Amino acid sequence: MTGTVVVALDRFLPDARRIADALGAAVIPYGPDAFREAFSRYGRIVALMSAGIAVRGIAPLLADKWRDPAVVVVGPDLRYAVPVVGGHHGANELARDLARLGIEPVITTATETRGRESVEGIAARTGCDIVNRDSTRAVNAAVLDADVPLYAITGPGIVVAGPGVSLLVRKGEYVVGVGCRKGVAAGDVVGAVRQALEQAGIAPGEVLVYATTRKKRGEAGLLAAVTDLGGNLVFFDDETLNAEAAPTPSRASLIGLAGVAEPAALAASKRRELVLAKETYGSVTVAIAR
């Protein structure tokens, strides 16, 4: 979903078109299916109506804060713009965009009201995605109490972090889960990953991260391969991997895991959807999720 749309009651359509012109947005007249259409097609929604109508319209459609569109309510008097969904995910920015029309943004997210930057804000500013999204609640809460250190690693490296640390990497849509036999050669891993990406019709630049089990932290060939691929490698613990579904039977049960490639891909994915079930290429297994 991309782009912006203004949803407005018929009597407010002239103002809706003025807002749309300023934002480069589309307009949808309010009706029974207006918000459903907006949710399916757009990433940012301005609801020109009372907050009650908007909230009742969007409530049945809300699914996941990482995927739901950003929604801002603008009252009929055009005085205030109030983010009601996705403040950290584009709604605060959208409300501020409306300030150029003299509409005052009303920001309620805790970090912003304290003059501090959220994890999501840092990711947006730096053009990154957040790999371990469950971490943001703890990190943003910590930001309210003190300055949280920000570390930038620009070269090849390994980060071992707990659940209260957010990992930001370059933007990408897909996660490549990788399993391999002990002593695997870097060339074998690179070849397997490239075959899998080609098979799925995915360009290397669309990969968010590569993921595997922490039991493979000592595999020099795997580490070198991900460096050659220009990616970031994330290691997951046993508990995290075993919490994910492993649709395809795996020999990883011999090391106490339900699987490696598929659970690792799913654990770091945004939508928890496999786009390529586990494939075996010699001594390497690869699965891809988004």
C-alpha atoms as a PDB file:
ATOM      1  CA  MET A   1       0.000   0.000   0.000  1.00  0.00           C
ATOM      2  CA  THR A   2       1.331   3.382  -0.981  1.00  0.00           C
ATOM      3  CA  GLY A   3       0.061   6.888  -1.432  1.00  0.00           C
ATOM      4  CA  THR A   4      -2.383   9.065   0.466  1.00  0.00           C
ATOM      5  CA  VAL A   5      -6.173   9.344   0.335  1.00  0.00           C
ATOM      6  CA  VAL A   6      -8.712  11.687   1.892  1.00  0.00           C
ATOM      7  CA  VAL A   7     -11.989  10.067   2.985  1.00  0.00           C
ATOM      8  CA  ALA A   8     -14.739  12.634   3.530  1.00  0.00           C
ATOM      9  CA  LEU A   9     -18.472  12.960   3.919  1.00  0.00           C
ATOM     10  CA  ASP A  10     -20.170  14.408   0.864  1.00  0.00           C
ATOM     11  CA  ARG A  11     -20.744  17.812   2.456  1.00  0.00           C
ATOM     12  CA  PHE A  12     -17.002  18.136   3.119  1.00  0.00           C
ATOM     13  CA  LEU A  13     -15.786  17.069  -0.328  1.00  0.00           C
ATOM     14  CA  PRO A  14     -14.726  20.593  -1.443  1.00  0.00           C
ATOM     15  CA  ASP A  15     -12.367  20.823   1.557  1.00  0.00           C
ATOM     16  CA  ALA A  16     -11.289  17.231   0.977  1.00  0.00           C
ATOM     17  CA  ARG A  17     -10.207  18.084  -2.559  1.00  0.00           C
ATOM     18  CA  ARG A  18      -8.253  21.079  -1.302  1.00  0.00           C
ATOM     19  CA  ILE A  19      -6.436  18.865   1.193  1.00  0.00           C
ATOM     20  CA  ALA A  20      -5.865  16.232  -1.478  1.00  0.00           C
ATOM     21  CA  ASP A  21      -4.385  18.800  -3.859  1.00  0.00           C
ATOM     22  CA  ALA A  22      -1.911  19.898  -1.164  1.00  0.00           C
ATOM     23  CA  LEU A  23      -0.860  16.329  -0.375  1.00  0.00           C
ATOM     24  CA  GLY A  24      -0.967  14.884  -3.884  1.00  0.00           C
ATOM     25  CA  ALA A  25      -3.689  12.557  -2.620  1.00  0.00           C
ATOM     26  CA  ALA A  26      -6.801  10.841  -3.936  1.00  0.00           C
ATOM     27  CA  VAL A  27     -10.325  11.388  -2.590  1.00  0.00           C
ATOM     28  CA  ILE A  28     -12.899   8.757  -1.618  1.00  0.00           C
ATOM     29  CA  PRO A  29     -16.422   9.902  -0.656  1.00  0.00           C
ATOM     30  CA  TYR A  30     -17.462   8.376   2.663  1.00  0.00           C
ATOM     31  CA  GLY A  31     -19.745   5.346   2.438  1.00  0.00           C
ATOM     32  CA  PRO A  32     -20.124   1.822   3.883  1.00  0.00           C
ATOM     33  CA  ASP A  33     -17.010   0.507   2.093  1.00  0.00           C
ATOM     34  CA  ALA A  34     -14.913   3.685   1.967  1.00  0.00           C
ATOM     35  CA  PHE A  35     -12.454   2.738   4.704  1.00  0.00           C
ATOM     36  CA  ARG A  36     -12.178  -0.851   3.506  1.00  0.00           C
ATOM     37  CA  GLU A  37     -11.188   0.455   0.071  1.00  0.00           C
ATOM     38  CA  ALA A  38      -8.774   2.958   1.607  1.00  0.00           C
ATOM     39  CA  PHE A  39      -7.132   0.297   3.803  1.00  0.00           C
ATOM     40  CA  SER A  40      -6.610  -2.014   0.839  1.00  0.00           C
ATOM     41  CA  ARG A  41      -5.084   0.605  -1.455  1.00  0.00           C
ATOM     42  CA  TYR A  42      -3.368   3.371   0.519  1.00  0.00           C
ATOM     43  CA  GLY A  43      -0.690   3.733   3.171  1.00  0.00           C
ATOM     44  CA  ARG A  44      -1.890   7.080   4.570  1.00  0.00           C
ATOM     45  CA  ILE A  45      -5.487   8.103   5.225  1.00  0.00           C
ATOM     46  CA  VAL A  46      -6.926  11.489   6.148  1.00  0.00           C
ATOM     47  CA  ALA A  47     -10.454  11.139   7.537  1.00  0.00           C
ATOM     48  CA  LEU A  48     -12.283  14.451   7.185  1.00  0.00           C
ATOM     49  CA  MET A  49     -15.141  13.858   9.623  1.00  0.00           C
ATOM     50  CA  SER A  50     -15.823  13.492  13.325  1.00  0.00           C
ATOM     51  CA  ALA A  51     -13.474  11.183  15.224  1.00  0.00           C
ATOM     52  CA  GLY A  52     -16.375   8.951  16.237  1.00  0.00           C
ATOM     53  CA  ILE A  53     -17.367   8.176  12.646  1.00  0.00           C
ATOM     54  CA  ALA A  54     -13.752   7.505  11.700  1.00  0.00           C
ATOM     55  CA  VAL A  55     -13.008   5.257  14.677  1.00  0.00           C
ATOM     56  CA  ARG A  56     -16.123   3.157  14.123  1.00  0.00           C
ATOM     57  CA  GLY A  57     -15.263   2.865  10.441  1.00  0.00           C
ATOM     58  CA  ILE A  58     -11.674   1.723  10.881  1.00  0.00           C
ATOM     59  CA  ALA A  59     -11.977  -0.394  14.041  1.00  0.00           C
ATOM     60  CA  PRO A  60     -13.087  -3.625  12.284  1.00  0.00           C
ATOM     61  CA  LEU A  61     -10.222  -3.284   9.790  1.00  0.00           C
ATOM     62  CA  LEU A  62      -7.317  -2.968  12.225  1.00  0.00           C
ATOM     63  CA  ALA A  63      -5.012  -5.984  12.122  1.00  0.00           C
ATOM     64  CA  ASP A  64      -1.361  -5.145  12.850  1.00  0.00           C
ATOM     65  CA  LYS A  65       0.211  -1.792  13.666  1.00  0.00           C
ATOM     66  CA  TRP A  66       3.118  -2.611  11.343  1.00  0.00           C
ATOM     67  CA  ARG A  67       0.813  -3.128   8.373  1.00  0.00           C
ATOM     68  CA  ASP A  68      -2.213  -0.937   9.067  1.00  0.00           C
ATOM     69  CA  PRO A  69      -2.307   2.392   7.207  1.00  0.00           C
ATOM     70  CA  ALA A  70      -1.571   5.595   9.083  1.00  0.00           C
ATOM     71  CA  VAL A  71      -4.854   7.348   9.874  1.00  0.00           C
ATOM     72  CA  VAL A  72      -5.305  11.013  10.790  1.00  0.00           C
ATOM     73  CA  VAL A  73      -8.671  12.536  11.660  1.00  0.00           C
ATOM     74  CA  VAL A  74      -9.309  16.148  10.646  1.00  0.00           C
ATOM     75  CA  GLY A  75     -12.374  17.810  12.125  1.00  0.00           C
ATOM     76  CA  PRO A  76     -14.921  19.500   9.852  1.00  0.00           C
ATOM     77  CA  ASP A  77     -13.685  22.915  11.030  1.00  0.00           C
ATOM     78  CA  LEU A  78     -10.176  22.088   9.718  1.00  0.00           C
ATOM     79  CA  ARG A  79      -8.606  23.184  13.009  1.00  0.00           C
ATOM     80  CA  TYR A  80      -6.854  20.018  14.180  1.00  0.00           C
ATOM     81  CA  ALA A  81      -5.213  16.911  12.683  1.00  0.00           C
ATOM     82  CA  VAL A  82      -5.206  14.022  15.162  1.00  0.00           C
ATOM     83  CA  PRO A  83      -3.298  10.788  14.435  1.00  0.00           C
ATOM     84  CA  VAL A  84      -5.516   7.930  15.632  1.00  0.00           C
ATOM     85  CA  VAL A  85      -3.678   4.939  14.119  1.00  0.00           C
ATOM     86  CA  GLY A  86       0.025   4.545  13.400  1.00  0.00           C
ATOM     87  CA  GLY A  87       1.488   7.611  15.082  1.00  0.00           C
ATOM     88  CA  HIS A  88       4.978   6.128  14.843  1.00  0.00           C
ATOM     89  CA  HIS A  89       4.190   4.616  11.450  1.00  0.00           C
ATOM     90  CA  GLY A  90       3.481   7.684   9.369  1.00  0.00           C
ATOM     91  CA  ALA A  91       0.458   9.316  11.026  1.00  0.00           C
ATOM     92  CA  ASN A  92       2.477  11.880  13.000  1.00  0.00           C
ATOM     93  CA  GLU A  93       4.296  12.843   9.806  1.00  0.00           C
ATOM     94  CA  LEU A  94       0.995  13.080   7.928  1.00  0.00           C
ATOM     95  CA  ALA A  95      -0.474  15.336  10.611  1.00  0.00           C
ATOM     96  CA  ARG A  96       2.557  17.604  10.340  1.00  0.00           C
ATOM     97  CA  ASP A  97       2.172  17.677   6.556  1.00  0.00           C
ATOM     98  CA  LEU A  98      -1.304  19.129   7.084  1.00  0.00           C
ATOM     99  CA  ALA A  99       0.152  22.049   9.017  1.00  0.00           C
ATOM    100  CA  ARG A 100       0.913  23.747   5.692  1.00  0.00           C
ATOM    101  CA  LEU A 101      -2.852  24.202   5.356  1.00  0.00           C
ATOM    102  CA  GLY A 102      -3.097  25.821   8.767  1.00  0.00           C
ATOM    103  CA  ILE A 103      -4.369  22.610  10.401  1.00  0.00           C
ATOM    104  CA  GLU A 104      -2.691  22.120  13.777  1.00  0.00           C
ATOM    105  CA  PRO A 105      -1.203  18.637  14.373  1.00  0.00           C
ATOM    106  CA  VAL A 106      -2.135  17.072  17.723  1.00  0.00           C
ATOM    107  CA  ILE A 107       0.585  14.543  18.540  1.00  0.00           C
ATOM    108  CA  THR A 108      -0.067  12.136  21.419  1.00  0.00           C
ATOM    109  CA  THR A 109       2.685   9.491  21.158  1.00  0.00           C
ATOM    110  CA  ALA A 110       4.701   9.556  24.375  1.00  0.00           C
ATOM    111  CA  THR A 111       8.191   9.901  22.910  1.00  0.00           C
ATOM    112  CA  GLU A 112       7.254  12.844  20.689  1.00  0.00           C
ATOM    113  CA  THR A 113       5.386  14.658  23.475  1.00  0.00           C
ATOM    114  CA  ARG A 114       8.613  14.472  25.508  1.00  0.00           C
ATOM    115  CA  GLY A 115      10.684  15.757  22.609  1.00  0.00           C
ATOM    116  CA  ARG A 116      12.401  12.404  22.083  1.00  0.00           C
ATOM    117  CA  GLU A 117      12.801  10.278  18.970  1.00  0.00           C
ATOM    118  CA  SER A 118      11.208   6.833  18.815  1.00  0.00           C
ATOM    119  CA  VAL A 119      12.847   3.735  17.353  1.00  0.00           C
ATOM    120  CA  GLU A 120      10.405   3.944  14.441  1.00  0.00           C
ATOM    121  CA  GLY A 121      11.332   7.586  13.917  1.00  0.00           C
ATOM    122  CA  ILE A 122      15.035   6.780  13.806  1.00  0.00           C
ATOM    123  CA  ALA A 123      14.355   3.972  11.323  1.00  0.00           C
ATOM    124  CA  ALA A 124      12.376   6.310   9.064  1.00  0.00           C
ATOM    125  CA  ARG A 125      14.995   9.047   9.286  1.00  0.00           C
ATOM    126  CA  THR A 126      17.850   6.699   8.433  1.00  0.00           C
ATOM    127  CA  GLY A 127      15.993   4.769   5.726  1.00  0.00           C
ATOM    128  CA  CYS A 128      16.028   1.525   7.705  1.00  0.00           C
ATOM    129  CA  ASP A 129      13.630  -1.199   8.758  1.00  0.00           C
ATOM    130  CA  ILE A 130      13.374  -2.707  12.242  1.00  0.00           C
ATOM    131  CA  VAL A 131      14.195  -6.413  12.249  1.00  0.00           C
ATOM    132  CA  ASN A 132      13.037  -7.349  15.769  1.00  0.00           C
ATOM    133  CA  ARG A 133       9.859  -5.315  15.952  1.00  0.00           C
ATOM    134  CA  ASP A 134       8.760  -6.681  19.319  1.00  0.00           C
ATOM    135  CA  SER A 135      11.689  -4.799  20.865  1.00  0.00           C
ATOM    136  CA  THR A 136      10.325  -1.333  20.146  1.00  0.00           C
ATOM    137  CA  ARG A 137       7.932  -1.208  23.092  1.00  0.00           C
ATOM    138  CA  ALA A 138      10.718  -1.758  25.625  1.00  0.00           C
ATOM    139  CA  VAL A 139      13.177   0.527  23.857  1.00  0.00           C
ATOM    140  CA  ASN A 140      10.691   3.373  23.401  1.00  0.00           C
ATOM    141  CA  ALA A 141       9.726   3.081  27.064  1.00  0.00           C
ATOM    142  CA  ALA A 142      13.407   3.333  28.001  1.00  0.00           C
ATOM    143  CA  VAL A 143      13.775   6.405  25.785  1.00  0.00           C
ATOM    144  CA  LEU A 144      11.213   8.171  27.984  1.00  0.00           C
ATOM    145  CA  ASP A 145      13.407   7.714  31.060  1.00  0.00           C
ATOM    146  CA  ALA A 146      16.942   8.293  29.790  1.00  0.00           C
ATOM    147  CA  ASP A 147      19.174   8.700  26.760  1.00  0.00           C
ATOM    148  CA  VAL A 148      19.392   5.295  25.081  1.00  0.00           C
ATOM    149  CA  PRO A 149      22.711   4.732  23.296  1.00  0.00           C
ATOM    150  CA  LEU A 150      22.653   4.366  19.516  1.00  0.00           C
ATOM    151  CA  TYR A 151      25.425   2.299  17.951  1.00  0.00           C
ATOM    152  CA  ALA A 152      26.174   2.357  14.231  1.00  0.00           C
ATOM    153  CA  ILE A 153      28.088  -0.562  12.720  1.00  0.00           C
ATOM    154  CA  THR A 154      29.105   0.272   9.178  1.00  0.00           C
ATOM    155  CA  GLY A 155      31.155  -2.771   8.283  1.00  0.00           C
ATOM    156  CA  PRO A 156      30.867  -6.546   8.624  1.00  0.00           C
ATOM    157  CA  GLY A 157      30.052  -7.458  12.198  1.00  0.00           C
ATOM    158  CA  ILE A 158      28.044  -9.611  14.542  1.00  0.00           C
ATOM    159  CA  VAL A 159      25.623  -8.140  17.059  1.00  0.00           C
ATOM    160  CA  VAL A 160      24.548 -10.214  20.042  1.00  0.00           C
ATOM    161  CA  ALA A 161      21.622  -8.425  21.630  1.00  0.00           C
ATOM    162  CA  GLY A 162      18.784  -9.102  24.022  1.00  0.00           C
ATOM    163  CA  PRO A 163      15.043  -8.535  23.472  1.00  0.00           C
ATOM    164  CA  GLY A 164      15.319  -4.941  24.719  1.00  0.00           C
ATOM    165  CA  VAL A 165      17.626  -3.884  21.888  1.00  0.00           C
ATOM    166  CA  SER A 166      16.234  -2.822  18.500  1.00  0.00           C
ATOM    167  CA  LEU A 167      18.145  -3.861  15.386  1.00  0.00           C
ATOM    168  CA  LEU A 168      17.824  -1.513  12.395  1.00  0.00           C
ATOM    169  CA  VAL A 169      19.043  -2.465   8.929  1.00  0.00           C
ATOM    170  CA  ARG A 170      18.632  -1.181   5.396  1.00  0.00           C
ATOM    171  CA  LYS A 171      15.119  -1.393   4.031  1.00  0.00           C
ATOM    172  CA  GLY A 172      13.980  -4.632   2.442  1.00  0.00           C
ATOM    173  CA  GLU A 173      10.855  -6.744   2.057  1.00  0.00           C
ATOM    174  CA  TYR A 174      12.153 -10.305   2.330  1.00  0.00           C
ATOM    175  CA  VAL A 175      13.988 -12.451   4.884  1.00  0.00           C
ATOM    176  CA  VAL A 176      16.156 -15.308   3.700  1.00  0.00           C
ATOM    177  CA  GLY A 177      16.423 -18.168   6.185  1.00  0.00           C
ATOM    178  CA  VAL A 178      19.534 -20.311   5.762  1.00  0.00           C
ATOM    179  CA  GLY A 179      20.502 -23.688   7.149  1.00  0.00           C
ATOM    180  CA  CYS A 180      23.708 -25.507   6.300  1.00  0.00           C
ATOM    181  CA  ARG A 181      25.891 -28.472   7.125  1.00  0.00           C
ATOM    182  CA  LYS A 182      28.940 -28.050   9.276  1.00  0.00           C
ATOM    183  CA  GLY A 183      31.983 -26.743   7.413  1.00  0.00           C
ATOM    184  CA  VAL A 184      29.989 -25.425   4.449  1.00  0.00           C
ATOM    185  CA  ALA A 185      31.940 -23.409   1.874  1.00  0.00           C
ATOM    186  CA  ALA A 186      31.033 -19.764   1.307  1.00  0.00           C
ATOM    187  CA  GLY A 187      30.586 -20.373  -2.411  1.00  0.00           C
ATOM    188  CA  ASP A 188      28.022 -23.084  -1.762  1.00  0.00           C
ATOM    189  CA  VAL A 189      25.938 -20.736   0.412  1.00  0.00           C
ATOM    190  CA  VAL A 190      26.161 -17.874  -2.090  1.00  0.00           C
ATOM    191  CA  GLY A 191      25.161 -20.168  -4.934  1.00  0.00           C
ATOM    192  CA  ALA A 192      22.221 -21.608  -2.993  1.00  0.00           C
ATOM    193  CA  VAL A 193      20.901 -18.186  -1.959  1.00  0.00           C
ATOM    194  CA  ARG A 194      21.167 -16.820  -5.480  1.00  0.00           C
ATOM    195  CA  GLN A 195      19.306 -19.821  -6.881  1.00  0.00           C
ATOM    196  CA  ALA A 196      16.560 -19.401  -4.298  1.00  0.00           C
ATOM    197  CA  LEU A 197      16.191 -15.684  -4.949  1.00  0.00           C
ATOM    198  CA  GLU A 198      16.051 -16.269  -8.689  1.00  0.00           C
ATOM    199  CA  GLN A 199      13.500 -19.030  -8.215  1.00  0.00           C
ATOM    200  CA  ALA A 200      11.307 -16.679  -6.147  1.00  0.00           C
ATOM    201  CA  GLY A 201      11.821 -13.736  -8.516  1.00  0.00           C
ATOM    202  CA  ILE A 202      13.437 -11.594  -5.817  1.00  0.00           C
ATOM    203  CA  ALA A 203      16.347  -9.224  -6.361  1.00  0.00           C
ATOM    204  CA  PRO A 204      19.195  -9.296  -3.783  1.00  0.00           C
ATOM    205  CA  GLY A 205      18.513  -5.640  -3.003  1.00  0.00           C
ATOM    206  CA  GLU A 206      15.024  -6.562  -1.758  1.00  0.00           C
ATOM    207  CA  VAL A 207      16.409  -8.682   1.100  1.00  0.00           C
ATOM    208  CA  LEU A 208      15.994  -7.231   4.587  1.00  0.00           C
ATOM    209  CA  VAL A 209      18.225  -9.737   6.407  1.00  0.00           C
ATOM    210  CA  TYR A 210      19.546 -13.275   6.257  1.00  0.00           C
ATOM    211  CA  ALA A 211      18.698 -15.404   9.294  1.00  0.00           C
ATOM    212  CA  THR A 212      19.783 -18.667  10.857  1.00  0.00           C
ATOM    213  CA  THR A 213      20.220 -20.429  14.191  1.00  0.00           C
ATOM    214  CA  ARG A 214      22.762 -19.208  16.732  1.00  0.00           C
ATOM    215  CA  LYS A 215      24.233 -22.718  16.571  1.00  0.00           C
ATOM    216  CA  LYS A 216      25.799 -21.580  13.268  1.00  0.00           C
ATOM    217  CA  ARG A 217      27.698 -18.608  14.713  1.00  0.00           C
ATOM    218  CA  GLY A 218      30.970 -20.437  14.167  1.00  0.00           C
ATOM    219  CA  GLU A 219      30.367 -21.270  10.500  1.00  0.00           C
ATOM    220  CA  ALA A 220      32.997 -19.189   8.721  1.00  0.00           C
ATOM    221  CA  GLY A 221      31.616 -20.105   5.288  1.00  0.00           C
ATOM    222  CA  LEU A 222      28.142 -18.865   6.178  1.00  0.00           C
ATOM    223  CA  LEU A 223      29.483 -15.588   7.621  1.00  0.00           C
ATOM    224  CA  ALA A 224      31.670 -14.996   4.577  1.00  0.00           C
ATOM    225  CA  ALA A 225      28.805 -15.770   2.205  1.00  0.00           C
ATOM    226  CA  VAL A 226      26.475 -13.197   3.729  1.00  0.00           C
ATOM    227  CA  THR A 227      29.276 -10.629   3.582  1.00  0.00           C
ATOM    228  CA  ASP A 228      29.780 -11.469  -0.103  1.00  0.00           C
ATOM    229  CA  LEU A 229      26.042 -11.065  -0.648  1.00  0.00           C
ATOM    230  CA  GLY A 230      26.212  -7.618   0.959  1.00  0.00           C
ATOM    231  CA  GLY A 231      23.684  -8.524   3.635  1.00  0.00           C
ATOM    232  CA  ASN A 232      23.175  -8.675   7.373  1.00  0.00           C
ATOM    233  CA  LEU A 233      23.034 -12.006   9.208  1.00  0.00           C
ATOM    234  CA  VAL A 234      20.810 -12.444  12.265  1.00  0.00           C
ATOM    235  CA  PHE A 235      21.181 -15.386  14.655  1.00  0.00           C
ATOM    236  CA  PHE A 236      18.093 -16.603  16.521  1.00  0.00           C
ATOM    237  CA  ASP A 237      18.040 -18.638  19.731  1.00  0.00           C
ATOM    238  CA  ASP A 238      16.333 -22.026  19.991  1.00  0.00           C
ATOM    239  CA  GLU A 239      13.258 -20.659  21.778  1.00  0.00           C
ATOM    240  CA  THR A 240      12.585 -18.103  19.047  1.00  0.00           C
ATOM    241  CA  LEU A 241      12.952 -20.637  16.237  1.00  0.00           C
ATOM    242  CA  ASN A 242      10.828 -23.299  17.936  1.00  0.00           C
ATOM    243  CA  ALA A 243       8.060 -20.730  18.445  1.00  0.00           C
ATOM    244  CA  GLU A 244       7.636 -20.491  14.659  1.00  0.00           C
ATOM    245  CA  ALA A 245       5.848 -22.975  12.470  1.00  0.00           C
ATOM    246  CA  ALA A 246       8.054 -25.279  10.388  1.00  0.00           C
ATOM    247  CA  PRO A 247       5.802 -26.447   7.529  1.00  0.00           C
ATOM    248  CA  THR A 248       8.445 -28.701   5.983  1.00  0.00           C
ATOM    249  CA  PRO A 249       9.941 -31.668   7.904  1.00  0.00           C
ATOM    250  CA  SER A 250      13.549 -31.009   8.897  1.00  0.00           C
ATOM    251  CA  ARG A 251      16.608 -32.894  10.079  1.00  0.00           C
ATOM    252  CA  ALA A 252      17.131 -29.997  12.494  1.00  0.00           C
ATOM    253  CA  SER A 253      15.236 -32.094  15.048  1.00  0.00           C
ATOM    254  CA  LEU A 254      18.590 -33.809  15.592  1.00  0.00           C
ATOM    255  CA  ILE A 255      19.868 -30.556  17.158  1.00  0.00           C
ATOM    256  CA  GLY A 256      16.690 -29.800  19.084  1.00  0.00           C
ATOM    257  CA  LEU A 257      15.011 -27.527  16.530  1.00  0.00           C
ATOM    258  CA  ALA A 258      11.772 -27.846  14.607  1.00  0.00           C
ATOM    259  CA  GLY A 259      13.617 -26.365  11.649  1.00  0.00           C
ATOM    260  CA  VAL A 260      16.141 -23.710  10.684  1.00  0.00           C
ATOM    261  CA  ALA A 261      15.557 -22.107   7.290  1.00  0.00           C
ATOM    262  CA  GLU A 262      11.778 -21.699   7.476  1.00  0.00           C
ATOM    263  CA  PRO A 263      11.475 -20.698  11.176  1.00  0.00           C
ATOM    264  CA  ALA A 264      14.413 -18.275  10.850  1.00  0.00           C
ATOM    265  CA  ALA A 265      12.882 -16.633   7.794  1.00  0.00           C
ATOM    266  CA  LEU A 266       9.506 -16.309   9.512  1.00  0.00           C
ATOM    267  CA  ALA A 267      10.934 -15.031  12.809  1.00  0.00           C
ATOM    268  CA  ALA A 268      12.338 -11.874  11.212  1.00  0.00           C
ATOM    269  CA  SER A 269       9.645 -11.382   8.574  1.00  0.00           C
ATOM    270  CA  LYS A 270       7.093  -8.568   8.557  1.00  0.00           C
ATOM    271  CA  ARG A 271       4.025 -10.501   7.417  1.00  0.00           C
ATOM    272  CA  ARG A 272       4.892 -14.019   8.600  1.00  0.00           C
ATOM    273  CA  GLU A 273       4.303 -15.346   5.080  1.00  0.00           C
ATOM    274  CA  LEU A 274       6.522 -17.892   3.341  1.00  0.00           C
ATOM    275  CA  VAL A 275       7.045 -17.020  -0.310  1.00  0.00           C
ATOM    276  CA  LEU A 276       9.481 -19.885  -0.871  1.00  0.00           C
ATOM    277  CA  ALA A 277       9.210 -23.025   1.235  1.00  0.00           C
ATOM    278  CA  LYS A 278      12.458 -24.697   2.186  1.00  0.00           C
ATOM    279  CA  GLU A 279      14.559 -25.790  -0.768  1.00  0.00           C
ATOM    280  CA  THR A 280      17.729 -27.853  -0.517  1.00  0.00           C
ATOM    281  CA  TYR A 281      20.731 -26.977  -2.660  1.00  0.00           C
ATOM    282  CA  GLY A 282      23.474 -29.474  -1.875  1.00  0.00           C
ATOM    283  CA  SER A 283      24.576 -28.806   1.711  1.00  0.00           C
ATOM    284  CA  VAL A 284      22.484 -25.642   2.086  1.00  0.00           C
ATOM    285  CA  THR A 285      18.773 -25.135   2.773  1.00  0.00           C
ATOM    286  CA  VAL A 286      17.045 -21.848   1.994  1.00  0.00           C
ATOM    287  CA  ALA A 287      13.569 -20.484   2.700  1.00  0.00           C
ATOM    288  CA  ILE A 288      12.229 -16.993   2.043  1.00  0.00           C
ATOM    289  CA  ALA A 289       9.518 -15.098   3.911  1.00  0.00           C
ATOM    290  CA  ARG A 290       8.082 -11.604   3.880  1.00  0.00           C
END
